[in-house]
Amino acid sequence: MTLLLMAAGSGSRYGKLKQFDDLGPNGEFLMEFSIFDALQNGFEHIVVITKKENQAFLKNHLSERLDSSIKLDVLVQRIDDIPETSSFSGERKKPWGTAHAVWTARTVIKTPFVIINADDYYGQNAFKGAAEFIKTQKNTDVFGLIGYQLKDTLSDFGAVSRGVCTVEEKRLQTIVERTKISKGNNGDIKDEDSGEILDANATVSMNFWICTPKIFDYTKRYFASFLDQVENHEKNEIYLPFVAQEMMENGSISVEVINADSDWFGVTYYKDKDIAVKTLNRLVEAGKYPSPLWQ
């Protein structure tokens, strides 16, 4: 089984590269706890998508910690990595988005795999559920999504972006990306863009997807269509939830929603760091993780 971590973000709201911040008791990155959890549940291939300037560092860092039996690929998300039928000649500074980050791994992943953000903590039970899903998966047209409750995924320090899901009988029906969700003084959870009050218990996607390689061919077509529109070239991105939603709408896949049964936390803002550090310390003290993480 393969774990793909998306670690090419810039950390603009955090103020630094949060993927490489030392949050663990012995200076571990947050992604190392996810990798540890994956390995404990039978994953044997780790793929990390990052920026060119971080590739060598990250490759060395993880190689020194992982057992030699674990396959490791550290790949660069490149702006010039586009479908061969497409062209792009403009100026662009940011990568093409999360769906493009996943597409970057198309040459190294040939079996069902898990996708996560490198700067989120998903909980040990989430990886257990994902591993069980892959082991019992019989249809490559059925993807999985580890779902969390909206109220458990917010920041005390500012608005966050979440994929709010509609779920019926454990099947994902729709996913709507809301980019400015915040907690009000009265306890309400509000979408600042629309003014809509959201259900605190709504299922949200935290980008913990379970996919098959089928997603690569579809993303290629989706990306090519996106690039046909010149207005997308400078700043717009292709997002993983948008690709999944379109695949569902045209009947290419169905998505089973799996209850995470785990606590989530992330580091969107720098002030989130203290909470993350304290939580990881608590988990180590409770015996959930060894210290140091890599013996």
Protein backbone atom coordinates (compact mmCIF):
# COMPACT_ATOMS: atom_id res chain seq x y z
CA MET A 1 0.00 0.00 0.00
CA THR A 2 1.15 3.52 -0.82
CA LEU A 3 0.87 6.78 1.11
CA LEU A 4 1.14 10.03 -0.89
CA LEU A 5 1.82 13.22 1.07
CA MET A 6 1.27 16.65 -0.46
CA ALA A 7 4.06 18.89 0.86
CA ALA A 8 4.51 21.54 -1.84
CA GLY A 9 2.61 24.37 -0.16
CA SER A 10 4.15 27.73 0.73
CA GLY A 11 2.66 28.21 4.20
CA SER A 12 1.62 31.80 3.45
CA ARG A 13 -0.74 32.05 6.45
CA TYR A 14 1.65 30.14 8.74
CA GLY A 15 4.57 32.41 7.90
CA LYS A 16 7.10 29.66 7.08
CA LEU A 17 7.29 26.16 5.61
CA LYS A 18 5.10 24.43 8.17
CA GLN A 19 5.75 21.01 6.58
CA PHE A 20 9.28 21.18 8.00
CA ASP A 21 8.58 22.77 11.38
CA ASP A 22 9.75 20.77 14.40
CA LEU A 23 6.49 20.07 16.21
CA GLY A 24 7.27 16.68 17.77
CA PRO A 25 9.01 16.23 21.16
CA ASN A 26 12.27 15.40 19.39
CA GLY A 27 11.94 17.85 16.52
CA GLU A 28 9.82 15.58 14.30
CA PHE A 29 7.81 17.07 11.44
CA LEU A 30 4.06 16.59 11.60
CA MET A 31 4.19 14.45 8.44
CA GLU A 32 6.47 11.97 10.22
CA PHE A 33 3.64 11.00 12.58
CA SER A 34 1.38 10.28 9.59
CA ILE A 35 4.13 8.22 7.97
CA PHE A 36 4.62 6.32 11.23
CA ASP A 37 0.87 5.61 11.47
CA ALA A 38 0.79 4.41 7.86
CA LEU A 39 3.73 2.05 8.37
CA GLN A 40 2.07 0.63 11.50
CA ASN A 41 -0.90 -0.30 9.31
CA GLY A 42 1.02 -2.11 6.58
CA PHE A 43 1.95 0.65 4.13
CA GLU A 44 5.29 0.00 2.45
CA HIS A 45 5.63 2.82 -0.09
CA ILE A 46 5.90 6.52 0.80
CA VAL A 47 5.58 9.20 -1.89
CA VAL A 48 6.10 12.86 -1.03
CA ILE A 49 5.31 15.72 -3.43
CA THR A 50 7.34 18.84 -2.71
CA LYS A 51 9.13 21.81 -4.26
CA LYS A 52 12.40 21.50 -6.14
CA GLU A 53 14.36 23.39 -3.50
CA ASN A 54 13.21 20.96 -0.78
CA GLN A 55 13.58 17.66 -2.64
CA ALA A 56 17.14 16.71 -1.66
CA PHE A 57 16.69 17.77 1.97
CA LEU A 58 13.46 15.83 2.38
CA LYS A 59 14.82 12.75 0.62
CA ASN A 60 17.83 12.68 2.96
CA HIS A 61 15.76 13.45 6.06
CA LEU A 62 13.30 10.61 5.51
CA SER A 63 15.85 8.12 4.18
CA GLU A 64 17.79 8.43 7.43
CA ARG A 65 14.66 7.57 9.44
CA LEU A 66 12.82 4.93 7.41
CA ASP A 67 13.79 1.29 7.30
CA SER A 68 15.50 0.28 4.06
CA SER A 69 12.58 -2.05 3.30
CA ILE A 70 10.30 0.98 2.79
CA LYS A 71 10.21 2.36 -0.73
CA LEU A 72 10.56 6.16 -0.78
CA ASP A 73 9.92 8.57 -3.66
CA VAL A 74 10.28 12.32 -3.21
CA LEU A 75 8.95 14.06 -6.31
CA VAL A 76 8.87 17.67 -7.44
CA GLN A 77 5.61 19.36 -8.44
CA ARG A 78 6.75 21.27 -11.50
CA ILE A 79 4.85 24.04 -13.26
CA ASP A 80 6.06 22.75 -16.64
CA ASP A 81 4.68 19.25 -15.97
CA ILE A 82 1.55 19.43 -18.14
CA PRO A 83 -0.20 17.02 -20.55
CA GLU A 84 1.75 16.55 -23.76
CA THR A 85 -1.21 17.80 -25.82
CA SER A 86 -1.33 21.08 -23.87
CA SER A 87 0.78 24.20 -23.97
CA PHE A 88 1.57 26.95 -21.52
CA SER A 89 3.78 29.94 -22.17
CA GLY A 90 2.71 32.46 -19.53
CA GLU A 91 4.20 33.57 -16.23
CA ARG A 92 3.21 31.56 -13.19
CA LYS A 93 4.68 31.34 -9.69
CA LYS A 94 2.45 28.83 -7.87
CA PRO A 95 2.00 25.12 -8.72
CA TRP A 96 -1.22 24.01 -10.37
CA GLY A 97 -3.00 22.81 -7.20
CA THR A 98 -3.69 19.64 -5.23
CA ALA A 99 -5.02 17.56 -8.15
CA HIS A 100 -1.85 18.37 -10.08
CA ALA A 101 0.25 17.38 -7.04
CA VAL A 102 -1.36 13.96 -7.08
CA TRP A 103 -0.93 13.66 -10.86
CA THR A 104 2.80 14.25 -10.32
CA ALA A 105 3.00 10.71 -8.87
CA ARG A 106 1.47 8.96 -11.89
CA THR A 107 4.71 7.20 -12.89
CA VAL A 108 5.49 5.72 -9.46
CA ILE A 109 2.06 4.60 -8.20
CA LYS A 110 0.39 1.60 -9.83
CA THR A 111 -1.87 0.33 -7.02
CA PRO A 112 -4.55 1.78 -4.69
CA PHE A 113 -3.14 4.57 -2.54
CA VAL A 114 -3.91 7.10 0.18
CA ILE A 115 -3.56 10.87 -0.24
CA ILE A 116 -3.07 13.26 2.69
CA ASN A 117 -1.80 16.76 3.45
CA ALA A 118 1.67 16.80 4.99
CA ASP A 119 0.70 19.57 7.42
CA ASP A 120 -2.29 17.82 9.03
CA TYR A 121 -2.53 15.18 11.75
CA TYR A 122 -5.25 12.63 10.98
CA GLY A 123 -5.12 10.14 13.87
CA GLN A 124 -4.12 6.50 14.07
CA ASN A 125 -7.62 5.09 13.54
CA ALA A 126 -7.92 6.98 10.25
CA PHE A 127 -5.00 5.00 8.83
CA LYS A 128 -6.40 1.77 10.23
CA GLY A 129 -9.69 2.44 8.45
CA ALA A 130 -7.93 3.33 5.21
CA ALA A 131 -5.83 0.16 5.29
CA GLU A 132 -8.92 -1.99 5.87
CA PHE A 133 -10.69 -0.27 2.97
CA ILE A 134 -7.80 -0.96 0.57
CA LYS A 135 -7.43 -4.58 1.69
CA THR A 136 -11.12 -5.29 1.06
CA GLN A 137 -11.48 -3.11 -2.05
CA LYS A 138 -12.74 -5.15 -5.01
CA ASN A 139 -13.69 -2.43 -7.48
CA THR A 140 -11.24 0.16 -8.84
CA ASP A 141 -14.21 2.48 -9.46
CA VAL A 142 -14.87 2.84 -5.72
CA PHE A 143 -12.77 5.45 -3.95
CA GLY A 144 -12.76 6.25 -0.24
CA LEU A 145 -12.80 9.44 1.81
CA ILE A 146 -11.99 9.67 5.49
CA GLY A 147 -14.57 12.07 6.89
CA TYR A 148 -14.35 14.39 9.90
CA GLN A 149 -16.93 16.61 11.59
CA LEU A 150 -16.70 20.30 10.74
CA LYS A 151 -16.69 21.42 14.38
CA ASP A 152 -13.51 19.38 15.01
CA THR A 153 -11.50 20.92 12.17
CA LEU A 154 -11.57 24.66 12.83
CA SER A 155 -8.87 27.08 13.98
CA ASP A 156 -9.21 29.52 16.86
CA PHE A 157 -7.01 31.97 14.99
CA GLY A 158 -8.73 32.61 11.65
CA ALA A 159 -10.80 31.28 8.78
CA VAL A 160 -10.09 27.92 7.16
CA SER A 161 -10.91 26.18 3.89
CA ARG A 162 -12.92 22.95 4.04
CA GLY A 163 -14.66 20.63 1.61
CA VAL A 164 -18.18 20.34 3.05
CA CYS A 165 -19.78 17.02 2.09
CA THR A 166 -23.28 15.71 1.55
CA VAL A 167 -23.40 12.02 2.49
CA GLU A 168 -26.18 9.48 2.03
CA GLU A 169 -25.83 5.91 3.31
CA LYS A 170 -22.05 6.31 3.57
CA ARG A 171 -21.79 7.45 -0.06
CA LEU A 172 -20.47 10.87 -0.94
CA GLN A 173 -23.04 12.82 -2.97
CA THR A 174 -21.50 16.27 -3.24
CA ILE A 175 -18.48 18.14 -1.94
CA VAL A 176 -18.45 21.94 -1.85
CA GLU A 177 -15.18 23.77 -1.27
CA ARG A 178 -15.75 26.64 1.15
CA THR A 179 -12.66 28.80 1.50
CA LYS A 180 -13.53 31.04 4.48
CA ILE A 181 -15.13 29.14 7.35
CA SER A 182 -14.85 30.66 10.82
CA LYS A 183 -16.28 30.35 14.32
CA GLY A 184 -18.46 33.20 15.51
CA ASN A 185 -18.52 34.69 19.01
CA ASN A 186 -21.89 33.03 19.59
CA GLY A 187 -20.59 29.58 18.65
CA ASP A 188 -22.03 29.56 15.14
CA ILE A 189 -19.89 28.29 12.29
CA LYS A 190 -20.16 30.61 9.31
CA ASP A 191 -19.14 30.60 5.66
CA GLU A 192 -17.89 34.17 5.36
CA ASP A 193 -18.26 34.27 1.57
CA SER A 194 -21.96 33.40 1.50
CA GLY A 195 -22.97 34.36 5.03
CA GLU A 196 -24.46 30.87 5.48
CA ILE A 197 -24.47 29.24 8.92
CA LEU A 198 -23.08 25.72 8.60
CA ASP A 199 -23.99 22.55 10.47
CA ALA A 200 -21.33 21.90 13.11
CA ASN A 201 -21.76 18.15 12.61
CA ALA A 202 -21.44 18.27 8.82
CA THR A 203 -18.95 15.85 7.31
CA VAL A 204 -15.92 17.56 5.82
CA SER A 205 -13.02 16.38 3.70
CA MET A 206 -9.53 17.04 5.04
CA ASN A 207 -7.96 15.70 1.83
CA PHE A 208 -7.61 12.15 3.17
CA TRP A 209 -8.58 10.27 0.02
CA ILE A 210 -8.23 6.61 -0.94
CA CYS A 211 -7.86 6.33 -4.70
CA THR A 212 -6.88 3.95 -7.46
CA PRO A 213 -4.58 4.87 -10.37
CA LYS A 214 -7.76 5.57 -12.36
CA ILE A 215 -7.54 9.11 -11.02
CA PHE A 216 -4.38 9.83 -13.04
CA ASP A 217 -5.93 9.44 -16.50
CA TYR A 218 -8.98 11.45 -15.50
CA THR A 219 -6.88 14.24 -14.00
CA LYS A 220 -4.87 14.42 -17.22
CA ARG A 221 -8.04 15.08 -19.23
CA TYR A 222 -9.36 17.50 -16.61
CA PHE A 223 -6.05 19.38 -16.57
CA ALA A 224 -5.89 19.58 -20.36
CA SER A 225 -9.38 21.09 -20.46
CA PHE A 226 -8.38 23.53 -17.72
CA LEU A 227 -5.32 24.64 -19.71
CA ASP A 228 -7.43 25.22 -22.83
CA GLN A 229 -8.77 28.29 -21.02
CA VAL A 230 -6.01 30.88 -21.08
CA GLU A 231 -7.52 32.79 -18.18
CA ASN A 232 -6.53 29.88 -15.92
CA HIS A 233 -2.83 30.11 -16.74
CA GLU A 234 -1.70 32.80 -14.33
CA LYS A 235 -3.24 31.92 -10.94
CA ASN A 236 -6.07 29.37 -11.06
CA GLU A 237 -5.58 25.83 -9.75
CA ILE A 238 -7.11 22.38 -10.13
CA TYR A 239 -8.29 21.03 -6.80
CA LEU A 240 -8.61 17.39 -5.87
CA PRO A 241 -12.22 17.70 -4.60
CA PHE A 242 -13.27 19.26 -7.93
CA VAL A 243 -11.81 16.34 -9.87
CA ALA A 244 -13.48 13.83 -7.53
CA GLN A 245 -16.82 15.64 -7.80
CA GLU A 246 -16.73 15.56 -11.60
CA MET A 247 -15.76 11.89 -11.62
CA MET A 248 -18.77 11.14 -9.41
CA GLU A 249 -21.12 13.22 -11.53
CA ASN A 250 -20.26 11.40 -14.75
CA GLY A 251 -20.40 7.98 -13.12
CA SER A 252 -16.67 7.23 -13.30
CA ILE A 253 -16.45 6.52 -9.58
CA SER A 254 -18.42 6.34 -6.36
CA VAL A 255 -16.88 7.43 -3.06
CA GLU A 256 -17.44 5.65 0.24
CA VAL A 257 -17.18 7.92 3.28
CA ILE A 258 -15.39 6.34 6.21
CA ASN A 259 -15.80 7.71 9.73
CA ALA A 260 -12.36 8.79 10.87
CA ASP A 261 -13.02 7.91 14.51
CA SER A 262 -9.92 10.03 15.16
CA ASP A 263 -8.95 13.48 16.33
CA TRP A 264 -7.67 15.85 13.65
CA PHE A 265 -5.51 18.92 14.05
CA GLY A 266 -3.56 21.10 11.66
CA VAL A 267 -1.32 24.14 11.56
CA THR A 268 -3.01 26.67 9.30
CA TYR A 269 -1.80 29.65 11.35
CA TYR A 270 1.43 30.04 13.33
CA LYS A 271 -0.59 30.35 16.55
CA ASP A 272 -1.86 26.80 15.90
CA LYS A 273 1.69 25.57 16.56
CA ASP A 274 1.42 25.64 20.37
CA ILE A 275 -1.69 23.45 20.26
CA ALA A 276 0.00 21.02 17.88
CA VAL A 277 3.13 20.75 20.03
CA LYS A 278 1.11 20.16 23.21
CA THR A 279 -1.09 17.57 21.51
CA LEU A 280 1.85 15.59 20.15
CA ASN A 281 3.52 15.69 23.57
CA ARG A 282 0.32 14.37 25.13
CA LEU A 283 0.10 11.53 22.60
CA VAL A 284 3.72 10.54 23.28
CA GLU A 285 3.20 10.68 27.05
CA ALA A 286 0.12 8.47 26.64
CA GLY A 287 2.25 5.87 24.89
CA LYS A 288 0.66 6.32 21.47
CA TYR A 289 4.07 7.01 19.91
CA PRO A 290 7.65 6.14 20.91
CA SER A 291 10.06 8.95 21.70
CA PRO A 292 12.09 9.54 19.67
CA LEU A 293 9.67 8.50 16.94
CA TRP A 294 12.30 6.66 14.90
CA GLN A 295 14.35 4.23 16.96
